[in-house]
PDB file of N, CA and C in Angstrom:
ATOM      1  N   MET A   1     -30.484  51.083 154.319  1.00  0.00           N
ATOM      2  CA  MET A   1     -29.906  49.696 153.816  1.00  0.00           C
ATOM      3  C   MET A   1     -30.859  49.280 152.658  1.00  0.00           C
ATOM      4  N   THR A   2     -30.501  49.025 151.836  1.00  0.00           N
ATOM      5  CA  THR A   2     -31.480  48.425 150.683  1.00  0.00           C
ATOM      6  C   THR A   2     -31.759  46.741 151.056  1.00  0.00           C
ATOM      7  N   SER A   3     -32.780  46.477 150.538  1.00  0.00           N
ATOM      8  CA  SER A   3     -33.434  45.200 150.829  1.00  0.00           C
ATOM      9  C   SER A   3     -32.958  44.253 149.561  1.00  0.00           C
ATOM     10  N   LEU A   4     -32.857  42.978 150.029  1.00  0.00           N
ATOM     11  CA  LEU A   4     -32.516  41.973 148.903  1.00  0.00           C
ATOM     12  C   LEU A   4     -33.607  42.103 147.575  1.00  0.00           C
ATOM     13  N   PRO A   5     -34.710  42.179 147.621  1.00  0.00           N
ATOM     14  CA  PRO A   5     -35.279  42.429 146.384  1.00  0.00           C
ATOM     15  C   PRO A   5     -34.897  43.582 145.649  1.00  0.00           C
ATOM     16  N   GLU A   6     -34.595  44.557 146.490  1.00  0.00           N
ATOM     17  CA  GLU A   6     -34.227  46.012 145.580  1.00  0.00           C
ATOM     18  C   GLU A   6     -32.851  45.445 144.897  1.00  0.00           C
ATOM     19  N   LYS A   7     -31.715  44.938 145.813  1.00  0.00           N
ATOM     20  CA  LYS A   7     -30.565  44.727 145.107  1.00  0.00           C
ATOM     21  C   LYS A   7     -30.848  43.626 143.952  1.00  0.00           C
ATOM     22  N   LEU A   8     -31.662  42.816 143.921  1.00  0.00           N
ATOM     23  CA  LEU A   8     -31.896  41.869 142.660  1.00  0.00           C
ATOM     24  C   LEU A   8     -32.374  42.727 141.711  1.00  0.00           C
ATOM     25  N   ALA A   9     -33.454  43.561 141.807  1.00  0.00           N
ATOM     26  CA  ALA A   9     -34.021  44.420 140.698  1.00  0.00           C
ATOM     27  C   ALA A   9     -33.004  45.076 140.257  1.00  0.00           C
ATOM     28  N   GLU A  10     -32.080  45.895 140.861  1.00  0.00           N
ATOM     29  CA  GLU A  10     -30.816  46.590 140.644  1.00  0.00           C
ATOM     30  C   GLU A  10     -30.165  45.624 139.456  1.00  0.00           C
ATOM     31  N   ILE A  11     -30.062  44.510 139.846  1.00  0.00           N
ATOM     32  CA  ILE A  11     -28.818  43.731 138.824  1.00  0.00           C
ATOM     33  C   ILE A  11     -29.870  43.406 137.754  1.00  0.00           C
ATOM     34  N   SER A  12     -31.092  42.821 137.728  1.00  0.00           N
ATOM     35  CA  SER A  12     -31.840  42.455 136.542  1.00  0.00           C
ATOM     36  C   SER A  12     -31.803  43.850 135.625  1.00  0.00           C
ATOM     37  N   ARG A  13     -31.977  44.962 136.234  1.00  0.00           N
ATOM     38  CA  ARG A  13     -32.227  46.109 135.081  1.00  0.00           C
ATOM     39  C   ARG A  13     -30.824  46.382 134.102  1.00  0.00           C
ATOM     40  N   SER A  14     -29.608  45.846 135.104  1.00  0.00           N
ATOM     41  CA  SER A  14     -28.298  45.909 134.200  1.00  0.00           C
ATOM     42  C   SER A  14     -28.060  44.663 133.373  1.00  0.00           C
ATOM     43  N   ALA A  15     -28.872  43.594 133.928  1.00  0.00           N
ATOM     44  CA  ALA A  15     -28.768  42.478 132.909  1.00  0.00           C
ATOM     45  C   ALA A  15     -29.638  42.437 131.710  1.00  0.00           C
ATOM     46  N   GLY A  16     -29.716  43.576 130.922  1.00  0.00           N
ATOM     47  CA  GLY A  16     -30.490  43.468 129.491  1.00  0.00           C
ATOM     48  C   GLY A  16     -29.456  43.497 128.555  1.00  0.00           C
ATOM     49  N   VAL A  17     -30.056  44.360 127.336  1.00  0.00           N
ATOM     50  CA  VAL A  17     -29.282  44.422 126.250  1.00  0.00           C
ATOM     51  C   VAL A  17     -27.896  44.902 126.413  1.00  0.00           C
ATOM     52  N   ARG A  18     -27.553  45.444 127.506  1.00  0.00           N
ATOM     53  CA  ARG A  18     -26.332  45.909 127.559  1.00  0.00           C
ATOM     54  C   ARG A  18     -25.289  44.758 127.948  1.00  0.00           C
ATOM     55  N   SER A  19     -25.887  43.912 128.605  1.00  0.00           N
ATOM     56  CA  SER A  19     -24.992  42.381 129.151  1.00  0.00           C
ATOM     57  C   SER A  19     -24.701  41.999 127.728  1.00  0.00           C
ATOM     58  N   ALA A  20     -25.816  41.816 126.946  1.00  0.00           N
ATOM     59  CA  ALA A  20     -25.585  40.841 125.751  1.00  0.00           C
ATOM     60  C   ALA A  20     -24.896  41.330 124.486  1.00  0.00           C
ATOM     61  N   TYR A  21     -24.954  42.754 124.512  1.00  0.00           N
ATOM     62  CA  TYR A  21     -23.999  43.556 123.466  1.00  0.00           C
ATOM     63  C   TYR A  21     -23.309  44.545 124.213  1.00  0.00           C
ATOM     64  N   GLY A  22     -22.048  44.338 124.011  1.00  0.00           N
ATOM     65  CA  GLY A  22     -21.422  45.211 124.683  1.00  0.00           C
ATOM     66  C   GLY A  22     -21.089  46.699 123.953  1.00  0.00           C
ATOM     67  N   ASP A  23     -20.224  47.707 124.487  1.00  0.00           N
ATOM     68  CA  ASP A  23     -20.173  49.040 123.982  1.00  0.00           C
ATOM     69  C   ASP A  23     -19.356  48.967 122.788  1.00  0.00           C
ATOM     70  N   PRO A  24     -19.957  49.498 121.367  1.00  0.00           N
ATOM     71  CA  PRO A  24     -19.044  49.444 120.553  1.00  0.00           C
ATOM     72  C   PRO A  24     -17.490  49.956 120.505  1.00  0.00           C
ATOM     73  N   VAL A  25     -16.442  49.231 119.910  1.00  0.00           N
ATOM     74  CA  VAL A  25     -15.024  49.528 119.968  1.00  0.00           C
ATOM     75  C   VAL A  25     -14.582  49.896 118.506  1.00  0.00           C
ATOM     76  N   LEU A  26     -14.127  51.071 118.592  1.00  0.00           N
ATOM     77  CA  LEU A  26     -13.399  51.483 117.117  1.00  0.00           C
ATOM     78  C   LEU A  26     -12.048  51.217 116.901  1.00  0.00           C
ATOM     79  N   VAL A  27     -11.762  50.240 116.087  1.00  0.00           N
ATOM     80  CA  VAL A  27     -10.274  49.651 115.962  1.00  0.00           C
ATOM     81  C   VAL A  27     -10.057  49.949 114.436  1.00  0.00           C
ATOM     82  N   ASP A  28      -8.932  50.793 114.153  1.00  0.00           N
ATOM     83  CA  ASP A  28      -8.335  51.285 112.947  1.00  0.00           C
ATOM     84  C   ASP A  28      -9.437  51.251 111.794  1.00  0.00           C
ATOM     85  N   GLY A  29     -10.565  52.342 112.250  1.00  0.00           N
ATOM     86  CA  GLY A  29     -11.543  52.642 111.355  1.00  0.00           C
ATOM     87  C   GLY A  29     -12.880  51.582 111.315  1.00  0.00           C
ATOM     88  N   ILE A  30     -12.660  50.364 111.967  1.00  0.00           N
ATOM     89  CA  ILE A  30     -13.718  49.269 112.118  1.00  0.00           C
ATOM     90  C   ILE A  30     -14.416  49.273 113.519  1.00  0.00           C
ATOM     91  N   THR A  31     -15.705  49.300 113.299  1.00  0.00           N
ATOM     92  CA  THR A  31     -16.568  49.345 114.561  1.00  0.00           C
ATOM     93  C   THR A  31     -16.985  47.840 115.040  1.00  0.00           C
ATOM     94  N   ILE A  32     -16.654  47.458 116.082  1.00  0.00           N
ATOM     95  CA  ILE A  32     -16.768  46.048 116.659  1.00  0.00           C
ATOM     96  C   ILE A  32     -17.793  46.271 117.692  1.00  0.00           C
ATOM     97  N   VAL A  33     -18.958  45.198 117.828  1.00  0.00           N
ATOM     98  CA  VAL A  33     -19.819  45.188 118.831  1.00  0.00           C
ATOM     99  C   VAL A  33     -19.861  43.955 119.314  1.00  0.00           C
ATOM    100  N   PRO A  34     -19.139  43.529 120.675  1.00  0.00           N
ATOM    101  CA  PRO A  34     -19.399  42.318 121.013  1.00  0.00           C
ATOM    102  C   PRO A  34     -20.542  41.548 121.329  1.00  0.00           C
ATOM    103  N   VAL A  35     -20.696  40.301 121.201  1.00  0.00           N
ATOM    104  CA  VAL A  35     -22.204  39.619 121.549  1.00  0.00           C
ATOM    105  C   VAL A  35     -21.918  38.673 122.408  1.00  0.00           C
ATOM    106  N   ALA A  36     -22.830  38.522 123.251  1.00  0.00           N
ATOM    107  CA  ALA A  36     -22.641  37.356 124.259  1.00  0.00           C
ATOM    108  C   ALA A  36     -24.065  36.757 124.873  1.00  0.00           C
ATOM    109  N   LEU A  37     -23.937  35.431 125.120  1.00  0.00           N
ATOM    110  CA  LEU A  37     -25.323  34.987 125.708  1.00  0.00           C
ATOM    111  C   LEU A  37     -25.190  35.057 127.115  1.00  0.00           C
ATOM    112  N   VAL A  38     -25.951  35.750 127.705  1.00  0.00           N
ATOM    113  CA  VAL A  38     -25.810  36.325 129.005  1.00  0.00           C
ATOM    114  C   VAL A  38     -27.103  35.618 129.952  1.00  0.00           C
ATOM    115  N   TYR A  39     -27.092  34.922 131.069  1.00  0.00           N
ATOM    116  CA  TYR A  39     -28.115  34.767 131.908  1.00  0.00           C
ATOM    117  C   TYR A  39     -27.964  34.441 133.411  1.00  0.00           C
ATOM    118  N   TYR A  40     -28.657  34.876 134.182  1.00  0.00           N
ATOM    119  CA  TYR A  40     -28.649  34.831 135.679  1.00  0.00           C
ATOM    120  C   TYR A  40     -29.710  33.907 136.446  1.00  0.00           C
ATOM    121  N   GLY A  41     -29.553  33.548 137.291  1.00  0.00           N
ATOM    122  CA  GLY A  41     -30.162  32.969 138.271  1.00  0.00           C
ATOM    123  C   GLY A  41     -30.103  33.396 139.792  1.00  0.00           C
ATOM    124  N   PHE A  42     -31.421  33.267 140.421  1.00  0.00           N
ATOM    125  CA  PHE A  42     -31.224  33.893 141.614  1.00  0.00           C
ATOM    126  C   PHE A  42     -32.127  33.016 142.702  1.00  0.00           C
ATOM    127  N   GLY A  43     -31.881  32.716 143.831  1.00  0.00           N
ATOM    128  CA  GLY A  43     -33.018  31.964 144.725  1.00  0.00           C
ATOM    129  C   GLY A  43     -32.875  32.421 145.945  1.00  0.00           C
ATOM    130  N   GLY A  44     -33.869  31.953 146.885  1.00  0.00           N
ATOM    131  CA  GLY A  44     -33.720  32.294 148.304  1.00  0.00           C
ATOM    132  C   GLY A  44     -34.788  31.300 149.073  1.00  0.00           C
ATOM    133  N   GLY A  45     -34.522  31.228 150.256  1.00  0.00           N
ATOM    134  CA  GLY A  45     -35.501  30.229 151.232  1.00  0.00           C
ATOM    135  C   GLY A  45     -35.584  30.992 152.521  1.00  0.00           C
ATOM    136  N   GLU A  46     -36.467  30.595 153.376  1.00  0.00           N
ATOM    137  CA  GLU A  46     -36.615  30.660 154.786  1.00  0.00           C
ATOM    138  C   GLU A  46     -37.155  29.543 155.414  1.00  0.00           C
ATOM    139  N   GLY A  47     -37.149  29.482 156.613  1.00  0.00           N
ATOM    140  CA  GLY A  47     -37.658  28.223 157.260  1.00  0.00           C
ATOM    141  C   GLY A  47     -37.804  28.594 158.697  1.00  0.00           C
ATOM    142  N   GLU A  48     -39.013  28.014 159.148  1.00  0.00           N
ATOM    143  CA  GLU A  48     -38.999  27.961 160.696  1.00  0.00           C
ATOM    144  C   GLU A  48     -39.759  26.797 161.390  1.00  0.00           C
ATOM    145  N   SER A  49     -39.405  26.500 162.589  1.00  0.00           N
ATOM    146  CA  SER A  49     -39.867  25.161 163.188  1.00  0.00           C
ATOM    147  C   SER A  49     -41.506  25.226 163.601  1.00  0.00           C
ATOM    148  N   ALA A  50     -42.218  24.137 163.833  1.00  0.00           N
ATOM    149  CA  ALA A  50     -43.486  24.252 164.272  1.00  0.00           C
ATOM    150  C   ALA A  50     -43.556  24.738 165.754  1.00  0.00           C
ATOM    151  N   GLU A  51     -42.295  24.494 166.519  1.00  0.00           N
ATOM    152  CA  GLU A  51     -42.628  24.779 167.786  1.00  0.00           C
ATOM    153  C   GLU A  51     -42.069  26.276 168.237  1.00  0.00           C
ATOM    154  N   GLY A  52     -41.725  26.806 167.167  1.00  0.00           N
ATOM    155  CA  GLY A  52     -41.087  28.518 167.642  1.00  0.00           C
ATOM    156  C   GLY A  52     -39.866  28.558 167.633  1.00  0.00           C
ATOM    157  N   ALA A  53     -39.254  29.739 167.919  1.00  0.00           N
ATOM    158  CA  ALA A  53     -38.161  29.996 168.090  1.00  0.00           C
ATOM    159  C   ALA A  53     -37.155  29.310 168.912  1.00  0.00           C
ATOM    160  N   GLY A  54     -37.601  29.006 170.166  1.00  0.00           N
ATOM    161  CA  GLY A  54     -36.554  28.369 170.936  1.00  0.00           C
ATOM    162  C   GLY A  54     -35.761  29.200 171.685  1.00  0.00           C
ATOM    163  N   SER A  55     -34.925  29.918 170.929  1.00  0.00           N
ATOM    164  CA  SER A  55     -33.697  30.717 171.724  1.00  0.00           C
ATOM    165  C   SER A  55     -34.555  32.432 171.638  1.00  0.00           C
ATOM    166  N   GLY A  56     -35.479  32.625 171.192  1.00  0.00           N
ATOM    167  CA  GLY A  56     -36.238  33.982 171.125  1.00  0.00           C
ATOM    168  C   GLY A  56     -35.509  34.873 170.080  1.00  0.00           C
ATOM    169  N   GLY A  57     -35.129  34.410 169.104  1.00  0.00           N
ATOM    170  CA  GLY A  57     -34.558  35.205 168.062  1.00  0.00           C
ATOM    171  C   GLY A  57     -34.545  34.542 166.928  1.00  0.00           C
ATOM    172  N   PHE A  58     -33.997  35.216 165.740  1.00  0.00           N
ATOM    173  CA  PHE A  58     -33.843  34.787 164.375  1.00  0.00           C
ATOM    174  C   PHE A  58     -32.458  34.023 164.579  1.00  0.00           C
ATOM    175  N   GLY A  59     -32.430  32.870 163.886  1.00  0.00           N
ATOM    176  CA  GLY A  59     -31.334  32.098 163.764  1.00  0.00           C
ATOM    177  C   GLY A  59     -31.231  31.278 164.769  1.00  0.00           C
ATOM    178  N   GLY A  60     -32.284  30.996 165.781  1.00  0.00           N
ATOM    179  CA  GLY A  60     -32.218  30.179 166.680  1.00  0.00           C
ATOM    180  C   GLY A  60     -32.544  28.883 166.480  1.00  0.00           C
ATOM    181  N   PRO A  61     -32.800  27.854 167.255  1.00  0.00           N
ATOM    182  CA  PRO A  61     -33.143  26.585 166.667  1.00  0.00           C
ATOM    183  C   PRO A  61     -34.318  26.625 165.974  1.00  0.00           C
ATOM    184  N   GLY A  62     -34.233  25.606 164.673  1.00  0.00           N
ATOM    185  CA  GLY A  62     -35.440  25.309 164.000  1.00  0.00           C
ATOM    186  C   GLY A  62     -35.606  26.565 163.021  1.00  0.00           C
ATOM    187  N   HIS A  63     -34.573  27.657 162.788  1.00  0.00           N
ATOM    188  CA  HIS A  63     -34.810  28.439 161.984  1.00  0.00           C
ATOM    189  C   HIS A  63     -33.559  28.523 160.898  1.00  0.00           C
ATOM    190  N   GLY A  64     -34.184  29.119 159.803  1.00  0.00           N
ATOM    191  CA  GLY A  64     -33.029  29.226 158.745  1.00  0.00           C
ATOM    192  C   GLY A  64     -33.410  30.152 157.778  1.00  0.00           C
ATOM    193  N   ALA A  65     -32.405  30.416 156.776  1.00  0.00           N
ATOM    194  CA  ALA A  65     -32.784  31.509 155.711  1.00  0.00           C
ATOM    195  C   ALA A  65     -31.285  31.366 155.033  1.00  0.00           C
ATOM    196  N   GLY A  66     -31.501  31.678 153.588  1.00  0.00           N
ATOM    197  CA  GLY A  66     -30.587  31.583 152.681  1.00  0.00           C
ATOM    198  C   GLY A  66     -30.693  31.782 151.569  1.00  0.00           C
ATOM    199  N   GLY A  67     -29.871  32.246 150.726  1.00  0.00           N
ATOM    200  CA  GLY A  67     -30.065  32.747 149.367  1.00  0.00           C
ATOM    201  C   GLY A  67     -28.726  32.570 148.182  1.00  0.00           C
ATOM    202  N   GLY A  68     -28.988  33.208 147.071  1.00  0.00           N
ATOM    203  CA  GLY A  68     -27.735  32.976 146.221  1.00  0.00           C
ATOM    204  C   GLY A  68     -27.938  33.148 144.826  1.00  0.00           C
ATOM    205  N   GLY A  69     -26.960  33.475 144.330  1.00  0.00           N
ATOM    206  CA  GLY A  69     -27.327  33.873 142.751  1.00  0.00           C
ATOM    207  C   GLY A  69     -26.119  33.638 141.975  1.00  0.00           C
ATOM    208  N   GLY A  70     -26.262  33.838 140.635  1.00  0.00           N
ATOM    209  CA  GLY A  70     -24.964  33.599 139.733  1.00  0.00           C
ATOM    210  C   GLY A  70     -25.259  33.904 138.281  1.00  0.00           C
ATOM    211  N   GLY A  71     -24.472  34.100 137.354  1.00  0.00           N
ATOM    212  CA  GLY A  71     -24.664  34.450 136.306  1.00  0.00           C
ATOM    213  C   GLY A  71     -23.540  33.844 135.250  1.00  0.00           C
ATOM    214  N   VAL A  72     -23.844  33.619 133.900  1.00  0.00           N
ATOM    215  CA  VAL A  72     -22.830  33.074 133.039  1.00  0.00           C
ATOM    216  C   VAL A  72     -22.812  34.120 131.681  1.00  0.00           C
ATOM    217  N   SER A  73     -21.648  34.370 131.281  1.00  0.00           N
ATOM    218  CA  SER A  73     -21.682  35.112 129.995  1.00  0.00           C
ATOM    219  C   SER A  73     -20.608  34.405 129.041  1.00  0.00           C
ATOM    220  N   ILE A  74     -21.230  33.643 127.953  1.00  0.00           N
ATOM    221  CA  ILE A  74     -20.376  33.148 127.170  1.00  0.00           C
ATOM    222  C   ILE A  74     -20.303  34.146 125.449  1.00  0.00           C
ATOM    223  N   PRO A  75     -19.314  34.268 125.314  1.00  0.00           N
ATOM    224  CA  PRO A  75     -18.982  35.372 124.147  1.00  0.00           C
ATOM    225  C   PRO A  75     -19.385  34.325 122.805  1.00  0.00           C
ATOM    226  N   VAL A  76     -20.413  34.878 122.003  1.00  0.00           N
ATOM    227  CA  VAL A  76     -20.700  33.963 120.928  1.00  0.00           C
ATOM    228  C   VAL A  76     -20.220  34.761 119.686  1.00  0.00           C
ATOM    229  N   GLY A  77     -19.781  35.913 119.476  1.00  0.00           N
ATOM    230  CA  GLY A  77     -18.922  36.608 118.352  1.00  0.00           C
ATOM    231  C   GLY A  77     -19.032  38.248 118.481  1.00  0.00           C
ATOM    232  N   ALA A  78     -19.203  38.828 117.174  1.00  0.00           N
ATOM    233  CA  ALA A  78     -19.223  40.271 117.401  1.00  0.00           C
ATOM    234  C   ALA A  78     -19.964  40.549 115.859  1.00  0.00           C
ATOM    235  N   TYR A  79     -20.638  41.632 116.022  1.00  0.00           N
ATOM    236  CA  TYR A  79     -20.947  42.522 114.702  1.00  0.00           C
ATOM    237  C   TYR A  79     -19.735  43.345 114.505  1.00  0.00           C
ATOM    238  N   VAL A  80     -19.315  43.273 113.164  1.00  0.00           N
ATOM    239  CA  VAL A  80     -18.193  44.105 112.616  1.00  0.00           C
ATOM    240  C   VAL A  80     -18.771  44.816 111.505  1.00  0.00           C
ATOM    241  N   LYS A  81     -18.649  46.274 111.638  1.00  0.00           N
ATOM    242  CA  LYS A  81     -19.096  47.304 110.744  1.00  0.00           C
ATOM    243  C   LYS A  81     -17.865  47.926 109.874  1.00  0.00           C
ATOM    244  N   ALA A  82     -17.733  47.684 108.789  1.00  0.00           N
ATOM    245  CA  ALA A  82     -16.526  48.181 107.950  1.00  0.00           C
ATOM    246  C   ALA A  82     -16.728  48.340 106.715  1.00  0.00           C
ATOM    247  N   GLU A  83     -16.685  49.576 105.985  1.00  0.00           N
ATOM    248  CA  GLU A  83     -17.047  50.105 104.536  1.00  0.00           C
ATOM    249  C   GLU A  83     -18.284  49.859 104.384  1.00  0.00           C
ATOM    250  N   GLY A  84     -19.216  50.319 105.325  1.00  0.00           N
ATOM    251  CA  GLY A  84     -20.525  50.403 105.127  1.00  0.00           C
ATOM    252  C   GLY A  84     -21.331  49.022 105.097  1.00  0.00           C
ATOM    253  N   THR A  85     -20.667  48.380 105.623  1.00  0.00           N
ATOM    254  CA  THR A  85     -21.383  46.816 105.459  1.00  0.00           C
ATOM    255  C   THR A  85     -21.261  46.272 107.024  1.00  0.00           C
ATOM    256  N   VAL A  86     -22.369  45.488 107.463  1.00  0.00           N
ATOM    257  CA  VAL A  86     -22.145  44.819 108.695  1.00  0.00           C
ATOM    258  C   VAL A  86     -22.292  43.360 108.615  1.00  0.00           C
ATOM    259  N   ARG A  87     -21.728  42.863 109.244  1.00  0.00           N
ATOM    260  CA  ARG A  87     -21.545  41.422 109.359  1.00  0.00           C
ATOM    261  C   ARG A  87     -21.188  40.672 110.715  1.00  0.00           C
ATOM    262  N   PHE A  88     -21.698  39.530 111.044  1.00  0.00           N
ATOM    263  CA  PHE A  88     -21.382  38.943 112.324  1.00  0.00           C
ATOM    264  C   PHE A  88     -20.212  37.912 111.966  1.00  0.00           C
ATOM    265  N   GLU A  89     -19.422  37.955 112.914  1.00  0.00           N
ATOM    266  CA  GLU A  89     -18.123  37.324 112.907  1.00  0.00           C
ATOM    267  C   GLU A  89     -18.492  36.139 114.327  1.00  0.00           C
ATOM    268  N   PRO A  90     -18.509  35.012 114.109  1.00  0.00           N
ATOM    269  CA  PRO A  90     -18.716  34.089 115.281  1.00  0.00           C
ATOM    270  C   PRO A  90     -17.459  33.844 115.850  1.00  0.00           C
ATOM    271  N   ASN A  91     -17.722  33.699 117.305  1.00  0.00           N
ATOM    272  CA  ASN A  91     -16.421  33.241 118.164  1.00  0.00           C
ATOM    273  C   ASN A  91     -16.500  31.627 117.907  1.00  0.00           C
ATOM    274  N   VAL A  92     -15.211  31.264 117.033  1.00  0.00           N
ATOM    275  CA  VAL A  92     -15.314  29.804 116.574  1.00  0.00           C
ATOM    276  C   VAL A  92     -15.038  28.703 117.901  1.00  0.00           C
ATOM    277  N   ILE A  93     -14.464  29.258 118.827  1.00  0.00           N
ATOM    278  CA  ILE A  93     -14.278  28.451 120.064  1.00  0.00           C
ATOM    279  C   ILE A  93     -15.638  28.202 120.819  1.00  0.00           C
ATOM    280  N   SER A  94     -16.659  29.166 120.887  1.00  0.00           N
ATOM    281  CA  SER A  94     -17.820  29.074 121.213  1.00  0.00           C
ATOM    282  C   SER A  94     -18.769  28.296 120.326  1.00  0.00           C
ATOM    283  N   LEU A  95     -18.522  28.182 118.984  1.00  0.00           N
ATOM    284  CA  LEU A  95     -19.514  27.501 118.310  1.00  0.00           C
ATOM    285  C   LEU A  95     -19.220  25.977 118.684  1.00  0.00           C
ATOM    286  N   LEU A  96     -17.727  25.589 118.793  1.00  0.00           N
ATOM    287  CA  LEU A  96     -17.258  24.404 118.811  1.00  0.00           C
ATOM    288  C   LEU A  96     -17.824  23.658 120.207  1.00  0.00           C
ATOM    289  N   ALA A  97     -17.783  24.656 121.216  1.00  0.00           N
ATOM    290  CA  ALA A  97     -18.072  24.308 122.488  1.00  0.00           C
ATOM    291  C   ALA A  97     -19.544  23.878 122.585  1.00  0.00           C
ATOM    292  N   VAL A  98     -20.258  24.560 121.677  1.00  0.00           N
ATOM    293  CA  VAL A  98     -22.028  24.127 121.851  1.00  0.00           C
ATOM    294  C   VAL A  98     -22.185  23.308 120.800  1.00  0.00           C
ATOM    295  N   GLY A  99     -21.286  23.379 119.567  1.00  0.00           N
ATOM    296  CA  GLY A  99     -21.622  22.300 118.386  1.00  0.00           C
ATOM    297  C   GLY A  99     -21.243  20.829 118.588  1.00  0.00           C
ATOM    298  N   ILE A 100     -19.927  20.478 119.172  1.00  0.00           N
ATOM    299  CA  ILE A 100     -19.696  19.247 119.581  1.00  0.00           C
ATOM    300  C   ILE A 100     -20.673  18.395 120.325  1.00  0.00           C
ATOM    301  N   PRO A 101     -21.014  19.004 121.526  1.00  0.00           N
ATOM    302  CA  PRO A 101     -22.151  18.151 122.279  1.00  0.00           C
ATOM    303  C   PRO A 101     -23.463  17.995 121.457  1.00  0.00           C
ATOM    304  N   PHE A 102     -24.049  19.050 120.716  1.00  0.00           N
ATOM    305  CA  PHE A 102     -24.985  19.077 119.840  1.00  0.00           C
ATOM    306  C   PHE A 102     -24.988  17.850 118.935  1.00  0.00           C
ATOM    307  N   VAL A 103     -23.821  17.870 117.899  1.00  0.00           N
ATOM    308  CA  VAL A 103     -23.764  16.901 117.143  1.00  0.00           C
ATOM    309  C   VAL A 103     -23.592  15.669 117.719  1.00  0.00           C
ATOM    310  N   TRP A 104     -23.113  15.278 118.625  1.00  0.00           N
ATOM    311  CA  TRP A 104     -23.027  13.961 119.265  1.00  0.00           C
ATOM    312  C   TRP A 104     -24.404  13.540 119.919  1.00  0.00           C
ATOM    313  N   VAL A 105     -25.385  14.515 120.467  1.00  0.00           N
ATOM    314  CA  VAL A 105     -26.568  14.143 120.827  1.00  0.00           C
ATOM    315  C   VAL A 105     -27.381  13.823 119.744  1.00  0.00           C
ATOM    316  N   VAL A 106     -27.516  14.642 118.582  1.00  0.00           N
ATOM    317  CA  VAL A 106     -27.964  14.259 117.275  1.00  0.00           C
ATOM    318  C   VAL A 106     -27.639  13.084 116.668  1.00  0.00           C
ATOM    319  N   GLY A 107     -26.551  12.529 116.905  1.00  0.00           N
ATOM    320  CA  GLY A 107     -25.879  11.463 116.189  1.00  0.00           C
ATOM    321  C   GLY A 107     -26.388  10.217 117.137  1.00  0.00           C
ATOM    322  N   LYS A 108     -26.803  10.381 118.330  1.00  0.00           N
ATOM    323  CA  LYS A 108     -27.167   9.385 119.078  1.00  0.00           C
ATOM    324  C   LYS A 108     -28.418   9.078 118.819  1.00  0.00           C
ATOM    325  N   THR A 109     -29.355  10.393 118.709  1.00  0.00           N
ATOM    326  CA  THR A 109     -30.807  10.351 118.566  1.00  0.00           C
ATOM    327  C   THR A 109     -31.007   9.483 117.051  1.00  0.00           C
ATOM    328  N   LEU A 110     -30.184   9.731 116.033  1.00  0.00           N
ATOM    329  CA  LEU A 110     -30.572   9.075 114.756  1.00  0.00           C
ATOM    330  C   LEU A 110     -29.989   7.753 114.758  1.00  0.00           C
ATOM    331  N   SER A 111     -29.016   7.406 115.758  1.00  0.00           N
ATOM    332  CA  SER A 111     -28.892   5.804 115.587  1.00  0.00           C
ATOM    333  C   SER A 111     -29.840   5.145 116.383  1.00  0.00           C
ATOM    334  N   HIS A 112     -30.670   6.005 117.057  1.00  0.00           N
ATOM    335  CA  HIS A 112     -31.625   5.161 117.867  1.00  0.00           C
ATOM    336  C   HIS A 112     -32.977   5.019 117.129  1.00  0.00           C
ATOM    337  N   VAL A 113     -33.149   6.174 116.515  1.00  0.00           N
ATOM    338  CA  VAL A 113     -34.278   6.093 115.314  1.00  0.00           C
ATOM    339  C   VAL A 113     -34.108   5.152 114.307  1.00  0.00           C
ATOM    340  N   ILE A 114     -32.762   4.860 113.798  1.00  0.00           N
ATOM    341  CA  ILE A 114     -32.676   4.014 112.586  1.00  0.00           C
ATOM    342  C   ILE A 114     -32.748   2.708 113.040  1.00  0.00           C
ATOM    343  N   ARG A 115     -32.339   2.457 114.191  1.00  0.00           N
ATOM    344  CA  ARG A 115     -32.117   1.342 114.852  1.00  0.00           C
ATOM    345  C   ARG A 115     -33.706   0.836 115.147  1.00  0.00           C
ATOM    346  N   ALA A 116     -34.588   1.604 115.641  1.00  0.00           N
ATOM    347  CA  ALA A 116     -35.934   1.426 115.836  1.00  0.00           C
ATOM    348  C   ALA A 116     -36.859   1.084 114.698  1.00  0.00           C
ATOM    349  N   LEU A 117     -36.549   1.796 113.661  1.00  0.00           N
ATOM    350  CA  LEU A 117     -37.167   1.561 112.357  1.00  0.00           C
ATOM    351  C   LEU A 117     -36.641   0.262 111.704  1.00  0.00           C
ATOM    352  N   LYS A 118     -35.527  -0.164 111.872  1.00  0.00           N
ATOM    353  CA  LYS A 118     -35.111  -1.538 111.322  1.00  0.00           C
ATOM    354  C   LYS A 118     -35.877  -2.596 111.994  1.00  0.00           C
ATOM    355  N   LYS A 119     -36.417  -2.501 112.853  1.00  0.00           N
ATOM    356  CA  LYS A 119     -37.092  -3.580 113.738  1.00  0.00           C
ATOM    357  C   LYS A 119     -38.571  -3.740 113.209  1.00  0.00           C
TER     358      LYS A 119
END
């Protein structure tokens, strides 16, 4: 049986470039390479009471263990190769999902800066 660190190492090896750039797809003579923003997070913990196990084994009173992880993949667009040229075609929905909060934060910041400069 493999240990948790070995399993996490196996996941992190597959979470590289192949996760961000998908396999090329050929559609009507045009090559498309999907691009995504990918990130993962993992955590774990373990505890023990100062008095000892109490029940004589793991999982008894005063002991604990835990772990978890997760990941996100956000499609940002695709590289399209046609007729000898390569161009990036963005995913408009992803750009809007990122752009709208960004514009709001920049607008609020600028309003505070302008208000502070007027004083």
